[in-house]
């Protein structure tokens, strides 16, 4: 006679980030709004935006702002996708 012990499944619940909020914050505040979705991304884009401001005074910050919006949306989606895969089995 076989006995099977079923191990409990542990589910880790993590708060997801709103993609809409990430978009809105990045649209309004650029690199500072990107900090909501990705702290490292916000810091990197802040340095890049300052650099581009001096190298290409008009077009540089606009391109960086658009990059911040894209980075924020993609980062929020990636965080939510990773949060959905956090099921551990013992």
PDB file of N, CA and C in Angstrom:
ATOM      1  N   UNK A   1       0.841  -1.165   0.000  1.00  0.00           N
ATOM      2  CA  UNK A   1       0.000   0.000   0.000  1.00  0.00           C
ATOM      3  C   UNK A   1       0.895   1.240   0.000  1.00  0.00           C
ATOM      4  N   UNK A   2       0.643   2.122  -0.943  1.00  0.00           N
ATOM      5  CA  UNK A   2       1.433   3.344  -1.057  1.00  0.00           C
ATOM      6  C   UNK A   2       0.716   4.485  -0.373  1.00  0.00           C
ATOM      7  N   UNK A   3       1.489   5.268   0.301  1.00  0.00           N
ATOM      8  CA  UNK A   3       0.921   6.486   0.880  1.00  0.00           C
ATOM      9  C   UNK A   3       1.549   7.677   0.161  1.00  0.00           C
ATOM     10  N   UNK A   4       0.728   8.513  -0.256  1.00  0.00           N
ATOM     11  CA  UNK A   4       1.220   9.722  -0.930  1.00  0.00           C
ATOM     12  C   UNK A   4       0.941  10.918  -0.041  1.00  0.00           C
ATOM     13  N   UNK A   5       1.985  11.631   0.212  1.00  0.00           N
ATOM     14  CA  UNK A   5       1.778  12.842   1.001  1.00  0.00           C
ATOM     15  C   UNK A   5       1.817  14.019   0.039  1.00  0.00           C
ATOM     16  N   UNK A   6       0.782  14.746   0.052  1.00  0.00           N
ATOM     17  CA  UNK A   6       0.753  15.911  -0.839  1.00  0.00           C
ATOM     18  C   UNK A   6       1.367  17.097  -0.100  1.00  0.00           C
ATOM     19  N   UNK A   7       2.353  17.659  -0.717  1.00  0.00           N
ATOM     20  CA  UNK A   7       3.017  18.824  -0.131  1.00  0.00           C
ATOM     21  C   UNK A   7       2.153  20.050  -0.351  1.00  0.00           C
ATOM     22  N   UNK A   8       2.134  20.901   0.626  1.00  0.00           N
ATOM     23  CA  UNK A   8       1.341  22.125   0.440  1.00  0.00           C
ATOM     24  C   UNK A   8       1.997  23.041  -0.592  1.00  0.00           C
ATOM     25  N   UNK A   9       1.191  23.719  -1.336  1.00  0.00           N
ATOM     26  CA  UNK A   9       1.682  24.687  -2.308  1.00  0.00           C
ATOM     27  C   UNK A   9       1.686  26.059  -1.650  1.00  0.00           C
ATOM     28  N   UNK A  10       2.821  26.714  -1.725  1.00  0.00           N
ATOM     29  CA  UNK A  10       2.960  28.043  -1.141  1.00  0.00           C
ATOM     30  C   UNK A  10       2.810  29.070  -2.254  1.00  0.00           C
ATOM     31  N   UNK A  11       1.913  30.000  -2.079  1.00  0.00           N
ATOM     32  CA  UNK A  11       1.696  31.051  -3.067  1.00  0.00           C
ATOM     33  C   UNK A  11       2.134  32.373  -2.446  1.00  0.00           C
ATOM     34  N   UNK A  12       3.069  33.016  -3.107  1.00  0.00           N
ATOM     35  CA  UNK A  12       3.557  34.306  -2.634  1.00  0.00           C
ATOM     36  C   UNK A  12       2.772  35.399  -3.352  1.00  0.00           C
ATOM     37  N   UNK A  13       2.131  36.236  -2.582  1.00  0.00           N
ATOM     38  CA  UNK A  13       1.318  37.300  -3.161  1.00  0.00           C
ATOM     39  C   UNK A  13       2.120  38.593  -3.114  1.00  0.00           C
ATOM     40  N   UNK A  14       2.249  39.201  -4.278  1.00  0.00           N
ATOM     41  CA  UNK A  14       2.999  40.442  -4.380  1.00  0.00           C
ATOM     42  C   UNK A  14       2.112  41.486  -5.043  1.00  0.00           C
ATOM     43  N   UNK A  15       2.142  42.692  -4.529  1.00  0.00           N
ATOM     44  CA  UNK A  15       1.322  43.753  -5.099  1.00  0.00           C
ATOM     45  C   UNK A  15       1.834  44.093  -6.495  1.00  0.00           C
ATOM     46  N   UNK A  16       0.928  44.133  -7.452  1.00  0.00           N
ATOM     47  CA  UNK A  16       1.308  44.441  -8.823  1.00  0.00           C
ATOM     48  C   UNK A  16       1.323  45.949  -9.047  1.00  0.00           C
ATOM     49  N   UNK A  17       2.078  46.361 -10.055  1.00  0.00           N
ATOM     50  CA  UNK A  17       2.163  47.776 -10.390  1.00  0.00           C
ATOM     51  C   UNK A  17       1.195  48.072 -11.522  1.00  0.00           C
ATOM     52  N   UNK A  18       0.540  49.195 -11.435  1.00  0.00           N
ATOM     53  CA  UNK A  18      -0.416  49.599 -12.452  1.00  0.00           C
ATOM     54  C   UNK A  18       0.330  50.149 -13.667  1.00  0.00           C
ATOM     55  N   UNK A  19       0.045  49.582 -14.824  1.00  0.00           N
ATOM     56  CA  UNK A  19       0.681  50.041 -16.058  1.00  0.00           C
ATOM     57  C   UNK A  19       0.183  51.449 -16.404  1.00  0.00           C
ATOM     58  N   UNK A  20      -1.073  51.718 -16.148  1.00  0.00           N
ATOM     59  CA  UNK A  20      -1.623  53.048 -16.409  1.00  0.00           C
ATOM     60  C   UNK A  20      -0.982  54.118 -15.543  1.00  0.00           C
ATOM     61  N   UNK A  21      -0.775  53.793 -14.273  1.00  0.00           N
ATOM     62  CA  UNK A  21      -0.121  54.736 -13.375  1.00  0.00           C
ATOM     63  C   UNK A  21       1.328  54.954 -13.785  1.00  0.00           C
ATOM     64  N   UNK A  22       2.004  53.881 -14.187  1.00  0.00           N
ATOM     65  CA  UNK A  22       3.384  54.012 -14.646  1.00  0.00           C
ATOM     66  C   UNK A  22       3.456  54.924 -15.868  1.00  0.00           C
ATOM     67  N   UNK A  23       2.519  54.740 -16.808  1.00  0.00           N
ATOM     68  CA  UNK A  23       2.477  55.591 -17.996  1.00  0.00           C
ATOM     69  C   UNK A  23       2.234  57.048 -17.612  1.00  0.00           C
ATOM     70  N   UNK A  24       1.250  57.289 -16.769  1.00  0.00           N
ATOM     71  CA  UNK A  24       0.881  58.658 -16.402  1.00  0.00           C
ATOM     72  C   UNK A  24       2.026  59.370 -15.679  1.00  0.00           C
ATOM     73  N   UNK A  25       2.647  58.683 -14.727  1.00  0.00           N
ATOM     74  CA  UNK A  25       3.742  59.301 -13.985  1.00  0.00           C
ATOM     75  C   UNK A  25       4.934  59.594 -14.884  1.00  0.00           C
ATOM     76  N   UNK A  26       5.264  58.671 -15.776  1.00  0.00           N
ATOM     77  CA  UNK A  26       6.380  58.904 -16.693  1.00  0.00           C
ATOM     78  C   UNK A  26       6.038  60.006 -17.693  1.00  0.00           C
ATOM     79  N   UNK A  27       4.790  60.067 -18.130  1.00  0.00           N
ATOM     80  CA  UNK A  27       4.370  61.117 -19.065  1.00  0.00           C
ATOM     81  C   UNK A  27       4.458  62.495 -18.409  1.00  0.00           C
ATOM     82  N   UNK A  28       4.041  62.586 -17.159  1.00  0.00           N
ATOM     83  CA  UNK A  28       4.027  63.884 -16.486  1.00  0.00           C
ATOM     84  C   UNK A  28       5.388  64.294 -15.929  1.00  0.00           C
ATOM     85  N   UNK A  29       6.153  63.327 -15.402  1.00  0.00           N
ATOM     86  CA  UNK A  29       7.373  63.669 -14.675  1.00  0.00           C
ATOM     87  C   UNK A  29       8.655  63.105 -15.268  1.00  0.00           C
ATOM     88  N   UNK A  30       8.552  62.363 -16.361  1.00  0.00           N
ATOM     89  CA  UNK A  30       9.749  61.842 -17.023  1.00  0.00           C
ATOM     90  C   UNK A  30      10.520  60.860 -16.154  1.00  0.00           C
ATOM     91  N   UNK A  31      11.816  61.106 -15.964  1.00  0.00           N
ATOM     92  CA  UNK A  31      12.647  60.179 -15.181  1.00  0.00           C
ATOM     93  C   UNK A  31      12.186  60.029 -13.729  1.00  0.00           C
ATOM     94  N   UNK A  32      11.645  61.087 -13.158  1.00  0.00           N
ATOM     95  CA  UNK A  32      11.158  60.976 -11.783  1.00  0.00           C
ATOM     96  C   UNK A  32       9.916  60.102 -11.709  1.00  0.00           C
ATOM     97  N   UNK A  33       9.066  60.143 -12.711  1.00  0.00           N
ATOM     98  CA  UNK A  33       7.896  59.274 -12.766  1.00  0.00           C
ATOM     99  C   UNK A  33       8.265  57.835 -13.043  1.00  0.00           C
ATOM    100  N   UNK A  34       9.393  57.635 -13.734  1.00  0.00           N
ATOM    101  CA  UNK A  34       9.881  56.283 -14.011  1.00  0.00           C
ATOM    102  C   UNK A  34      10.304  55.570 -12.733  1.00  0.00           C
ATOM    103  N   UNK A  35      10.611  56.330 -11.699  1.00  0.00           N
ATOM    104  CA  UNK A  35      11.001  55.722 -10.423  1.00  0.00           C
ATOM    105  C   UNK A  35       9.911  54.809  -9.858  1.00  0.00           C
ATOM    106  N   UNK A  36       8.652  55.060 -10.196  1.00  0.00           N
ATOM    107  CA  UNK A  36       7.555  54.194  -9.739  1.00  0.00           C
ATOM    108  C   UNK A  36       7.711  52.779 -10.283  1.00  0.00           C
ATOM    109  N   UNK A  37       8.042  52.682 -11.555  1.00  0.00           N
ATOM    110  CA  UNK A  37       8.136  51.372 -12.199  1.00  0.00           C
ATOM    111  C   UNK A  37       9.495  50.734 -11.998  1.00  0.00           C
ATOM    112  N   UNK A  38      10.557  51.535 -12.053  1.00  0.00           N
ATOM    113  CA  UNK A  38      11.915  51.006 -11.963  1.00  0.00           C
ATOM    114  C   UNK A  38      12.826  52.068 -11.367  1.00  0.00           C
ATOM    115  N   UNK A  39      13.336  51.790 -10.182  1.00  0.00           N
ATOM    116  CA  UNK A  39      14.219  52.750  -9.519  1.00  0.00           C
ATOM    117  C   UNK A  39      15.520  52.898 -10.308  1.00  0.00           C
ATOM    118  N   UNK A  40      16.099  51.789 -10.701  1.00  0.00           N
ATOM    119  CA  UNK A  40      17.340  51.847 -11.473  1.00  0.00           C
ATOM    120  C   UNK A  40      17.104  52.563 -12.803  1.00  0.00           C
ATOM    121  N   UNK A  41      15.990  52.289 -13.456  1.00  0.00           N
ATOM    122  CA  UNK A  41      15.659  52.944 -14.715  1.00  0.00           C
ATOM    123  C   UNK A  41      15.501  54.446 -14.545  1.00  0.00           C
ATOM    124  N   UNK A  42      14.871  54.856 -13.471  1.00  0.00           N
ATOM    125  CA  UNK A  42      14.700  56.283 -13.213  1.00  0.00           C
ATOM    126  C   UNK A  42      16.022  56.997 -13.021  1.00  0.00           C
ATOM    127  N   UNK A  43      16.917  56.362 -12.269  1.00  0.00           N
ATOM    128  CA  UNK A  43      18.228  56.970 -12.047  1.00  0.00           C
ATOM    129  C   UNK A  43      19.046  57.023 -13.326  1.00  0.00           C
ATOM    130  N   UNK A  44      19.016  55.941 -14.091  1.00  0.00           N
ATOM    131  CA  UNK A  44      19.762  55.901 -15.353  1.00  0.00           C
ATOM    132  C   UNK A  44      19.231  56.954 -16.320  1.00  0.00           C
ATOM    133  N   UNK A  45      17.922  57.029 -16.464  1.00  0.00           N
ATOM    134  CA  UNK A  45      17.350  57.985 -17.406  1.00  0.00           C
ATOM    135  C   UNK A  45      17.513  59.426 -16.930  1.00  0.00           C
ATOM    136  N   UNK A  46      17.601  59.646 -15.637  1.00  0.00           N
ATOM    137  CA  UNK A  46      17.844  60.991 -15.129  1.00  0.00           C
ATOM    138  C   UNK A  46      19.226  61.471 -15.546  1.00  0.00           C
ATOM    139  N   UNK A  47      20.220  60.607 -15.410  1.00  0.00           N
ATOM    140  CA  UNK A  47      21.589  60.953 -15.819  1.00  0.00           C
ATOM    141  C   UNK A  47      21.650  61.137 -17.337  1.00  0.00           C
ATOM    142  N   UNK A  48      21.002  60.252 -18.075  1.00  0.00           N
ATOM    143  CA  UNK A  48      21.003  60.361 -19.539  1.00  0.00           C
ATOM    144  C   UNK A  48      20.297  61.643 -19.986  1.00  0.00           C
ATOM    145  N   UNK A  49      19.200  61.989 -19.329  1.00  0.00           N
ATOM    146  CA  UNK A  49      18.470  63.191 -19.736  1.00  0.00           C
ATOM    147  C   UNK A  49      19.289  64.451 -19.460  1.00  0.00           C
ATOM    148  N   UNK A  50      20.016  64.480 -18.357  1.00  0.00           N
ATOM    149  CA  UNK A  50      20.885  65.629 -18.088  1.00  0.00           C
ATOM    150  C   UNK A  50      21.998  65.725 -19.119  1.00  0.00           C
ATOM    151  N   UNK A  51      22.573  64.592 -19.479  1.00  0.00           N
ATOM    152  CA  UNK A  51      23.634  64.571 -20.479  1.00  0.00           C
ATOM    153  C   UNK A  51      23.111  65.028 -21.838  1.00  0.00           C
ATOM    154  N   UNK A  52      21.966  64.491 -22.237  1.00  0.00           N
ATOM    155  CA  UNK A  52      21.398  64.869 -23.525  1.00  0.00           C
ATOM    156  C   UNK A  52      20.936  66.326 -23.550  1.00  0.00           C
ATOM    157  N   UNK A  53      20.582  66.857 -22.387  1.00  0.00           N
ATOM    158  CA  UNK A  53      20.171  68.249 -22.320  1.00  0.00           C
ATOM    159  C   UNK A  53      21.318  69.171 -22.737  1.00  0.00           C
ATOM    160  N   UNK A  54      22.549  68.809 -22.374  1.00  0.00           N
ATOM    161  CA  UNK A  54      23.692  69.633 -22.737  1.00  0.00           C
ATOM    162  C   UNK A  54      24.218  69.316 -24.134  1.00  0.00           C
ATOM    163  N   UNK A  55      24.082  68.066 -24.579  1.00  0.00           N
ATOM    164  CA  UNK A  55      24.582  67.702 -25.903  1.00  0.00           C
ATOM    165  C   UNK A  55      23.616  68.095 -27.018  1.00  0.00           C
ATOM    166  N   UNK A  56      22.358  67.820 -26.826  1.00  0.00           N
ATOM    167  CA  UNK A  56      21.322  68.143 -27.818  1.00  0.00           C
ATOM    168  C   UNK A  56      20.206  68.897 -27.103  1.00  0.00           C
ATOM    169  N   UNK A  57      20.340  70.201 -26.948  1.00  0.00           N
ATOM    170  CA  UNK A  57      19.450  70.953 -26.057  1.00  0.00           C
ATOM    171  C   UNK A  57      17.945  70.808 -26.316  1.00  0.00           C
ATOM    172  N   UNK A  58      17.511  70.669 -27.542  1.00  0.00           N
ATOM    173  CA  UNK A  58      16.067  70.621 -27.769  1.00  0.00           C
ATOM    174  C   UNK A  58      15.542  69.203 -27.946  1.00  0.00           C
ATOM    175  N   UNK A  59      16.165  68.444 -28.816  1.00  0.00           N
ATOM    176  CA  UNK A  59      15.635  67.130 -29.165  1.00  0.00           C
ATOM    177  C   UNK A  59      16.021  66.056 -28.140  1.00  0.00           C
ATOM    178  N   UNK A  60      17.156  66.206 -27.481  1.00  0.00           N
ATOM    179  CA  UNK A  60      17.632  65.201 -26.519  1.00  0.00           C
ATOM    180  C   UNK A  60      16.663  64.921 -25.386  1.00  0.00           C
ATOM    181  N   UNK A  61      16.227  65.962 -24.654  1.00  0.00           N
ATOM    182  CA  UNK A  61      15.275  65.710 -23.558  1.00  0.00           C
ATOM    183  C   UNK A  61      13.932  65.154 -24.028  1.00  0.00           C
ATOM    184  N   UNK A  62      13.504  65.540 -25.226  1.00  0.00           N
ATOM    185  CA  UNK A  62      12.232  65.016 -25.742  1.00  0.00           C
ATOM    186  C   UNK A  62      12.354  63.518 -26.015  1.00  0.00           C
ATOM    187  N   UNK A  63      13.453  63.120 -26.643  1.00  0.00           N
ATOM    188  CA  UNK A  63      13.677  61.689 -26.889  1.00  0.00           C
ATOM    189  C   UNK A  63      13.805  60.910 -25.589  1.00  0.00           C
ATOM    190  N   UNK A  64      14.484  61.514 -24.633  1.00  0.00           N
ATOM    191  CA  UNK A  64      14.646  60.855 -23.330  1.00  0.00           C
ATOM    192  C   UNK A  64      13.300  60.712 -22.623  1.00  0.00           C
ATOM    193  N   UNK A  65      12.452  61.724 -22.731  1.00  0.00           N
ATOM    194  CA  UNK A  65      11.122  61.694 -22.106  1.00  0.00           C
ATOM    195  C   UNK A  65      10.287  60.551 -22.689  1.00  0.00           C
ATOM    196  N   UNK A  66      10.335  60.413 -24.011  1.00  0.00           N
ATOM    197  CA  UNK A  66       9.616  59.323 -24.674  1.00  0.00           C
ATOM    198  C   UNK A  66      10.192  57.970 -24.247  1.00  0.00           C
ATOM    199  N   UNK A  67      11.516  57.896 -24.128  1.00  0.00           N
ATOM    200  CA  UNK A  67      12.159  56.673 -23.648  1.00  0.00           C
ATOM    201  C   UNK A  67      11.735  56.320 -22.233  1.00  0.00           C
ATOM    202  N   UNK A  68      11.554  57.330 -21.396  1.00  0.00           N
ATOM    203  CA  UNK A  68      11.099  57.095 -20.021  1.00  0.00           C
ATOM    204  C   UNK A  68       9.695  56.492 -20.004  1.00  0.00           C
ATOM    205  N   UNK A  69       8.832  56.989 -20.863  1.00  0.00           N
ATOM    206  CA  UNK A  69       7.457  56.480 -20.920  1.00  0.00           C
ATOM    207  C   UNK A  69       7.459  55.015 -21.352  1.00  0.00           C
ATOM    208  N   UNK A  70       8.225  54.715 -22.393  1.00  0.00           N
ATOM    209  CA  UNK A  70       8.288  53.333 -22.879  1.00  0.00           C
ATOM    210  C   UNK A  70       8.887  52.423 -21.825  1.00  0.00           C
ATOM    211  N   UNK A  71       9.978  52.864 -21.193  1.00  0.00           N
ATOM    212  CA  UNK A  71      10.640  52.065 -20.169  1.00  0.00           C
ATOM    213  C   UNK A  71       9.697  51.810 -18.995  1.00  0.00           C
ATOM    214  N   UNK A  72       8.924  52.804 -18.583  1.00  0.00           N
ATOM    215  CA  UNK A  72       8.014  52.648 -17.445  1.00  0.00           C
ATOM    216  C   UNK A  72       6.930  51.620 -17.741  1.00  0.00           C
ATOM    217  N   UNK A  73       6.358  51.677 -18.929  1.00  0.00           N
ATOM    218  CA  UNK A  73       5.277  50.747 -19.278  1.00  0.00           C
ATOM    219  C   UNK A  73       5.810  49.318 -19.371  1.00  0.00           C
ATOM    220  N   UNK A  74       6.946  49.143 -20.045  1.00  0.00           N
ATOM    221  CA  UNK A  74       7.532  47.807 -20.190  1.00  0.00           C
ATOM    222  C   UNK A  74       7.961  47.256 -18.835  1.00  0.00           C
ATOM    223  N   UNK A  75       8.545  48.104 -18.003  1.00  0.00           N
ATOM    224  CA  UNK A  75       8.995  47.655 -16.690  1.00  0.00           C
ATOM    225  C   UNK A  75       7.816  47.229 -15.805  1.00  0.00           C
ATOM    226  N   UNK A  76       6.736  47.996 -15.824  1.00  0.00           N
ATOM    227  CA  UNK A  76       5.557  47.632 -15.032  1.00  0.00           C
ATOM    228  C   UNK A  76       4.955  46.316 -15.527  1.00  0.00           C
ATOM    229  N   UNK A  77       4.926  46.118 -16.842  1.00  0.00           N
ATOM    230  CA  UNK A  77       4.417  44.858 -17.388  1.00  0.00           C
ATOM    231  C   UNK A  77       5.308  43.689 -16.985  1.00  0.00           C
ATOM    232  N   UNK A  78       6.622  43.879 -16.996  1.00  0.00           N
ATOM    233  CA  UNK A  78       7.549  42.807 -16.611  1.00  0.00           C
ATOM    234  C   UNK A  78       7.423  42.463 -15.133  1.00  0.00           C
ATOM    235  N   UNK A  79       7.253  43.473 -14.283  1.00  0.00           N
ATOM    236  CA  UNK A  79       7.081  43.217 -12.852  1.00  0.00           C
ATOM    237  C   UNK A  79       5.807  42.425 -12.617  1.00  0.00           C
ATOM    238  N   UNK A  80       4.740  42.775 -13.315  1.00  0.00           N
ATOM    239  CA  UNK A  80       3.481  42.053 -13.161  1.00  0.00           C
ATOM    240  C   UNK A  80       3.575  40.627 -13.692  1.00  0.00           C
ATOM    241  N   UNK A  81       4.328  40.424 -14.775  1.00  0.00           N
ATOM    242  CA  UNK A  81       4.490  39.078 -15.320  1.00  0.00           C
ATOM    243  C   UNK A  81       5.293  38.204 -14.359  1.00  0.00           C
ATOM    244  N   UNK A  82       6.319  38.770 -13.751  1.00  0.00           N
ATOM    245  CA  UNK A  82       7.117  38.011 -12.784  1.00  0.00           C
ATOM    246  C   UNK A  82       6.324  37.721 -11.524  1.00  0.00           C
ATOM    247  N   UNK A  83       5.475  38.640 -11.118  1.00  0.00           N
ATOM    248  CA  UNK A  83       4.662  38.432  -9.913  1.00  0.00           C
ATOM    249  C   UNK A  83       3.665  37.303 -10.112  1.00  0.00           C
ATOM    250  N   UNK A  84       3.239  37.057 -11.342  1.00  0.00           N
ATOM    251  CA  UNK A  84       2.301  35.982 -11.622  1.00  0.00           C
ATOM    252  C   UNK A  84       2.933  34.613 -11.587  1.00  0.00           C
ATOM    253  N   UNK A  85       4.256  34.531 -11.618  1.00  0.00           N
ATOM    254  CA  UNK A  85       4.965  33.247 -11.659  1.00  0.00           C
ATOM    255  C   UNK A  85       5.656  32.911 -10.355  1.00  0.00           C
ATOM    256  N   UNK A  86       5.143  33.371  -9.234  1.00  0.00           N
ATOM    257  CA  UNK A  86       5.826  33.146  -7.956  1.00  0.00           C
ATOM    258  C   UNK A  86       5.160  32.056  -7.123  1.00  0.00           C
ATOM    259  N   UNK A  87       4.851  30.942  -7.714  1.00  0.00           N
ATOM    260  CA  UNK A  87       4.262  29.827  -6.981  1.00  0.00           C
ATOM    261  C   UNK A  87       5.364  28.821  -6.662  1.00  0.00           C
ATOM    262  N   UNK A  88       5.520  28.482  -5.391  1.00  0.00           N
ATOM    263  CA  UNK A  88       6.533  27.528  -4.960  1.00  0.00           C
ATOM    264  C   UNK A  88       5.875  26.235  -4.528  1.00  0.00           C
ATOM    265  N   UNK A  89       6.475  25.120  -4.884  1.00  0.00           N
ATOM    266  CA  UNK A  89       5.955  23.826  -4.450  1.00  0.00           C
ATOM    267  C   UNK A  89       7.000  23.166  -3.572  1.00  0.00           C
ATOM    268  N   UNK A  90       6.540  22.677  -2.444  1.00  0.00           N
ATOM    269  CA  UNK A  90       7.458  21.976  -1.511  1.00  0.00           C
ATOM    270  C   UNK A  90       7.434  20.506  -1.755  1.00  0.00           C
TER     271      UNK A  90
END
